[in-house]
Amino acid sequence: MFLRLSYWSKVLEMDDGRWVKQVYEEGRARLERRANASTWCNLTRKWLLELGLHEEWEAQATGPEWQETVRARIMELENRRWRLRVAHNTKLESYGRWKPKLEREDYLEHENTKQRRMWTKLRGGCLELRVETGRWERMSVGGQQVAVPRHLRYCKMCFREVEDAAHVFFRCPAYRTQRDALAGQVCKLATPGAQKAMEGVRRRGREEEGSAGRRVEEACVMNWL
C-alpha cells in the first residue's frame, strides 16, 4: 500500500508527455466512466479512500509531506485492524489488555532465547495452562464426548477458577511462595506504576478478583513482565 501510493504521487508529478502518465490518465478516465473498471487506478483509489485521503484523489495532487502522511495513515489503519482481530480472538483476551499499541516489543531483543519464547507464549495465550491445553480435552455430556468449555477449564491446583496466566500469577493459593518472590522482583526492578499495581493486587486479596480495578492492576504488572 505504501509503495503504490508513493509511486502514485510520482506519477502525478510526471510530464503529460510521458507514456506512464498517459496510461494513468487513460485508466482514470475509464474508472470515471465505469466504477468497477479493471485498471491500476481502481485499487489505488480504493486504498486512498480507505485511508481517508479522498480529497487528494479528487484533487489529483499530493502535498510535500506525502510519504509521512501515507505512512501515518497506514499505521492507524493497521492498528485498527489489529485491535479488531485481537478483540475477536478469545486466546488474545488478556493480550489485548496488556498491549495497547501495535509496535515492536523490547522483549524480542532479549538475549535469552528461552525467555523470549516464554514471553511470546505468555502474551499470545499459548502457555501450557489449562485455558489453552483444555481446548484438546473432552468431557462426557449426555453420553457424548464434547470439548471442555473455556469457563470449565479449572485450575487443577485449587479448582477455584479458570487456569490462565492472571490466575497463576496473582490468585492461585498454590503459588503463593512464587508470587511473593515475584512481588519482590517487581518492587526492586519495575517502574513505579507497576510497583503500585502489584501492591494493589496483593492488598485487594481474592475477594475482589473480578473487580475492574484489580484487572487493571494485573494488566499493568503483566505488561511490565
Protein backbone atom coordinates (compact mmCIF):
# COMPACT_ATOMS: atom_id res chain seq x y z
CA MET A 1 0.00 0.00 0.00
CA PHE A 2 2.77 2.42 0.94
CA LEU A 3 4.80 1.66 -2.21
CA ARG A 4 1.80 2.02 -4.51
CA LEU A 5 0.67 5.34 -3.05
CA SER A 6 4.22 6.69 -3.06
CA TYR A 7 4.51 5.77 -6.73
CA TRP A 8 1.09 7.32 -7.43
CA SER A 9 2.46 10.63 -6.16
CA LYS A 10 5.40 10.34 -8.55
CA VAL A 11 3.08 9.60 -11.48
CA LEU A 12 1.09 12.76 -10.76
CA GLU A 13 4.30 14.81 -10.99
CA MET A 14 5.33 13.38 -14.38
CA ASP A 15 5.12 15.41 -17.59
CA ASP A 16 1.97 14.82 -19.61
CA GLY A 17 4.11 13.54 -22.47
CA ARG A 18 5.39 10.54 -20.50
CA TRP A 19 3.87 7.21 -21.53
CA VAL A 20 3.32 6.26 -17.90
CA LYS A 21 1.34 9.44 -17.28
CA GLN A 22 -0.75 8.91 -20.42
CA VAL A 23 -1.57 5.32 -19.46
CA TYR A 24 -2.52 6.50 -15.99
CA GLU A 25 -4.84 9.22 -17.31
CA GLU A 26 -6.50 6.75 -19.65
CA GLY A 27 -7.05 4.35 -16.74
CA ARG A 28 -8.52 7.13 -14.63
CA ALA A 29 -10.87 8.13 -17.45
CA ARG A 30 -12.08 4.53 -17.75
CA LEU A 31 -12.63 4.42 -13.99
CA GLU A 32 -14.77 7.57 -14.14
CA ARG A 33 -16.89 6.04 -16.90
CA ARG A 34 -17.26 2.69 -15.12
CA ALA A 35 -16.80 2.38 -11.34
CA ASN A 36 -15.55 -1.21 -11.46
CA ALA A 37 -13.20 -0.83 -14.41
CA SER A 38 -10.17 -3.10 -14.18
CA THR A 39 -7.41 -0.53 -14.11
CA TRP A 40 -4.39 0.27 -11.92
CA CYS A 41 -6.31 3.29 -10.69
CA ASN A 42 -9.11 1.21 -9.19
CA LEU A 43 -7.14 -0.25 -6.28
CA THR A 44 -5.21 3.00 -5.88
CA ARG A 45 -8.43 4.95 -5.41
CA LYS A 46 -9.85 2.27 -3.10
CA TRP A 47 -6.83 2.46 -0.81
CA LEU A 48 -6.82 6.26 -0.79
CA LEU A 49 -10.48 6.31 0.24
CA GLU A 50 -9.82 3.65 2.87
CA LEU A 51 -7.11 5.85 4.36
CA GLY A 52 -9.35 8.90 4.37
CA LEU A 53 -7.40 10.60 1.55
CA HIS A 54 -10.35 11.20 -0.78
CA GLU A 55 -9.53 14.90 -1.15
CA GLU A 56 -6.13 14.04 -2.59
CA TRP A 57 -7.76 11.70 -5.08
CA GLU A 58 -10.31 14.29 -6.13
CA ALA A 59 -7.62 16.97 -6.49
CA GLN A 60 -5.12 14.55 -8.09
CA ALA A 61 -2.41 16.22 -6.06
CA THR A 62 -0.28 15.43 -3.02
CA GLY A 63 1.49 17.65 -0.53
CA PRO A 64 5.21 17.93 0.26
CA GLU A 65 4.89 15.57 3.26
CA TRP A 66 3.05 12.91 1.27
CA GLN A 67 5.09 9.88 2.33
CA GLU A 68 4.92 10.81 6.00
CA THR A 69 1.15 11.31 5.71
CA VAL A 70 0.63 7.96 3.99
CA ARG A 71 2.85 6.13 6.46
CA ALA A 72 0.94 7.58 9.43
CA ARG A 73 -2.47 6.77 7.90
CA ILE A 74 -1.41 3.18 7.13
CA MET A 75 -0.20 2.70 10.70
CA GLU A 76 -3.55 3.99 12.00
CA LEU A 77 -5.39 1.58 9.71
CA GLU A 78 -3.21 -1.37 10.70
CA ASN A 79 -3.66 -0.53 14.37
CA ARG A 80 -7.47 -0.54 14.00
CA ARG A 81 -7.40 -3.83 12.10
CA TRP A 82 -5.10 -5.35 14.69
CA ARG A 83 -7.34 -4.28 17.56
CA LEU A 84 -10.35 -5.86 15.85
CA ARG A 85 -8.50 -9.14 15.29
CA VAL A 86 -7.38 -9.23 18.91
CA ALA A 87 -10.86 -8.40 20.20
CA HIS A 88 -12.40 -11.33 18.29
CA ASN A 89 -9.81 -13.88 19.42
CA THR A 90 -10.50 -15.40 22.84
CA LYS A 91 -6.89 -16.60 23.15
CA LEU A 92 -5.76 -12.98 22.98
CA GLU A 93 -8.23 -11.64 25.54
CA SER A 94 -5.51 -10.83 28.06
CA TYR A 95 -3.04 -9.76 25.39
CA GLY A 96 -5.48 -7.10 24.25
CA ARG A 97 -5.32 -5.56 27.72
CA TRP A 98 -1.55 -5.84 28.04
CA LYS A 99 -0.64 -4.43 24.63
CA PRO A 100 -2.45 -1.15 23.90
CA LYS A 101 -0.50 -0.22 20.77
CA LEU A 102 0.74 -2.05 17.69
CA GLU A 103 4.52 -1.79 17.90
CA ARG A 104 7.62 -3.94 18.26
CA GLU A 105 8.20 -5.00 21.86
CA ASP A 106 11.56 -4.63 23.63
CA TYR A 107 11.47 -8.20 24.94
CA LEU A 108 12.03 -9.50 21.41
CA GLU A 109 15.60 -8.18 21.68
CA HIS A 110 16.33 -10.12 24.88
CA GLU A 111 19.47 -12.24 24.58
CA ASN A 112 17.93 -15.26 26.33
CA THR A 113 16.12 -17.26 23.64
CA LYS A 114 14.18 -19.39 26.12
CA GLN A 115 12.96 -16.26 27.92
CA ARG A 116 11.83 -14.70 24.64
CA ARG A 117 9.81 -17.82 23.84
CA MET A 118 8.18 -17.82 27.26
CA TRP A 119 7.24 -14.14 26.95
CA THR A 120 5.80 -14.78 23.49
CA LYS A 121 3.74 -17.70 24.78
CA LEU A 122 2.53 -15.63 27.71
CA ARG A 123 1.41 -12.75 25.54
CA GLY A 124 -0.09 -15.00 22.85
CA GLY A 125 -2.12 -17.09 25.27
CA CYS A 126 -0.12 -20.24 24.48
CA LEU A 127 1.40 -21.11 27.84
CA GLU A 128 0.85 -24.70 28.98
CA LEU A 129 -2.07 -23.67 31.19
CA ARG A 130 -5.45 -25.31 31.18
CA VAL A 131 -7.15 -22.37 29.50
CA GLU A 132 -5.05 -23.42 26.47
CA THR A 133 -4.48 -27.17 26.93
CA GLY A 134 -8.16 -27.63 27.80
CA ARG A 135 -9.02 -26.94 24.17
CA TRP A 136 -7.98 -30.52 23.40
CA GLU A 137 -9.66 -32.10 26.43
CA ARG A 138 -13.02 -33.83 26.23
CA MET A 139 -15.84 -34.33 28.70
CA SER A 140 -18.91 -36.54 28.64
CA VAL A 141 -22.27 -34.80 28.25
CA GLY A 142 -25.33 -36.94 27.74
CA GLY A 143 -23.19 -39.88 26.72
CA GLN A 144 -21.29 -37.87 24.11
CA GLN A 145 -17.71 -36.60 24.19
CA VAL A 146 -17.57 -32.82 23.74
CA ALA A 147 -14.85 -30.21 24.10
CA VAL A 148 -14.40 -28.75 27.58
CA PRO A 149 -15.90 -25.21 27.57
CA ARG A 150 -13.49 -22.43 28.37
CA HIS A 151 -15.27 -21.46 31.59
CA LEU A 152 -14.83 -25.02 32.93
CA ARG A 153 -11.08 -25.32 32.43
CA TYR A 154 -10.42 -25.02 36.14
CA CYS A 155 -7.02 -24.88 37.73
CA LYS A 156 -6.14 -28.38 38.96
CA MET A 157 -4.18 -26.93 41.88
CA CYS A 158 -7.06 -25.08 43.56
CA PHE A 159 -10.19 -25.76 41.44
CA ARG A 160 -11.38 -22.21 42.12
CA GLU A 161 -11.38 -20.65 38.65
CA VAL A 162 -10.09 -20.99 35.11
CA GLU A 163 -6.35 -21.55 35.00
CA ASP A 164 -4.99 -18.70 32.93
CA ALA A 165 -1.89 -16.54 33.32
CA ALA A 166 -3.56 -13.98 35.59
CA HIS A 167 -4.84 -16.73 37.88
CA VAL A 168 -1.40 -18.36 38.21
CA PHE A 169 0.47 -15.09 38.67
CA PHE A 170 -1.92 -13.32 41.01
CA ARG A 171 -4.59 -15.52 42.59
CA CYS A 172 -3.87 -19.26 42.86
CA PRO A 173 -3.02 -20.11 46.51
CA ALA A 174 -0.73 -22.94 45.35
CA TYR A 175 1.79 -20.41 44.03
CA ARG A 176 1.83 -18.03 46.99
CA THR A 177 5.56 -18.50 47.61
CA GLN A 178 6.45 -17.85 43.97
CA ARG A 179 4.08 -14.88 43.97
CA ASP A 180 5.85 -13.31 46.92
CA ALA A 181 9.16 -13.74 45.10
CA LEU A 182 7.65 -12.12 42.02
CA ALA A 183 6.37 -9.21 44.10
CA GLY A 184 9.87 -8.73 45.50
CA GLN A 185 11.33 -8.53 41.99
CA VAL A 186 8.61 -6.13 40.88
CA CYS A 187 9.35 -3.85 43.83
CA LYS A 188 13.09 -3.86 43.01
CA LEU A 189 13.07 -3.57 39.24
CA ALA A 190 9.70 -2.43 37.94
CA THR A 191 8.51 1.03 37.05
CA PRO A 192 6.69 3.00 39.77
CA GLY A 193 3.39 2.28 38.05
CA ALA A 194 3.97 -1.49 38.05
CA GLN A 195 5.13 -1.40 41.67
CA LYS A 196 1.97 0.40 42.75
CA ALA A 197 -0.16 -2.01 40.73
CA MET A 198 1.50 -5.04 42.33
CA GLU A 199 0.88 -3.61 45.79
CA GLY A 200 -2.76 -3.11 44.85
CA VAL A 201 -3.09 -6.69 43.64
CA ARG A 202 -1.71 -8.06 46.90
CA ARG A 203 -3.77 -5.67 49.01
CA ARG A 204 -7.13 -6.35 47.39
CA GLY A 205 -6.98 -10.07 48.03
CA ARG A 206 -9.05 -12.70 46.37
CA GLU A 207 -12.42 -11.27 47.37
CA GLU A 208 -12.15 -8.61 44.67
CA GLU A 209 -10.66 -10.75 41.93
CA GLY A 210 -13.38 -9.82 39.49
CA SER A 211 -13.24 -6.07 40.05
CA ALA A 212 -12.31 -3.70 37.25
CA GLY A 213 -9.61 -2.12 39.42
CA ARG A 214 -7.92 -5.43 40.02
CA ARG A 215 -7.95 -6.32 36.33
CA VAL A 216 -6.29 -3.01 35.50
CA GLU A 217 -3.61 -3.58 38.14
CA GLU A 218 -2.96 -7.12 36.94
CA ALA A 219 -2.69 -5.93 33.34
CA CYS A 220 -0.19 -3.25 34.39
CA VAL A 221 2.06 -5.82 36.09
CA MET A 222 1.77 -8.31 33.22
CA ASN A 223 2.60 -5.61 30.72
CA TRP A 224 5.78 -4.82 32.68
CA LEU A 225 6.70 -8.53 32.73
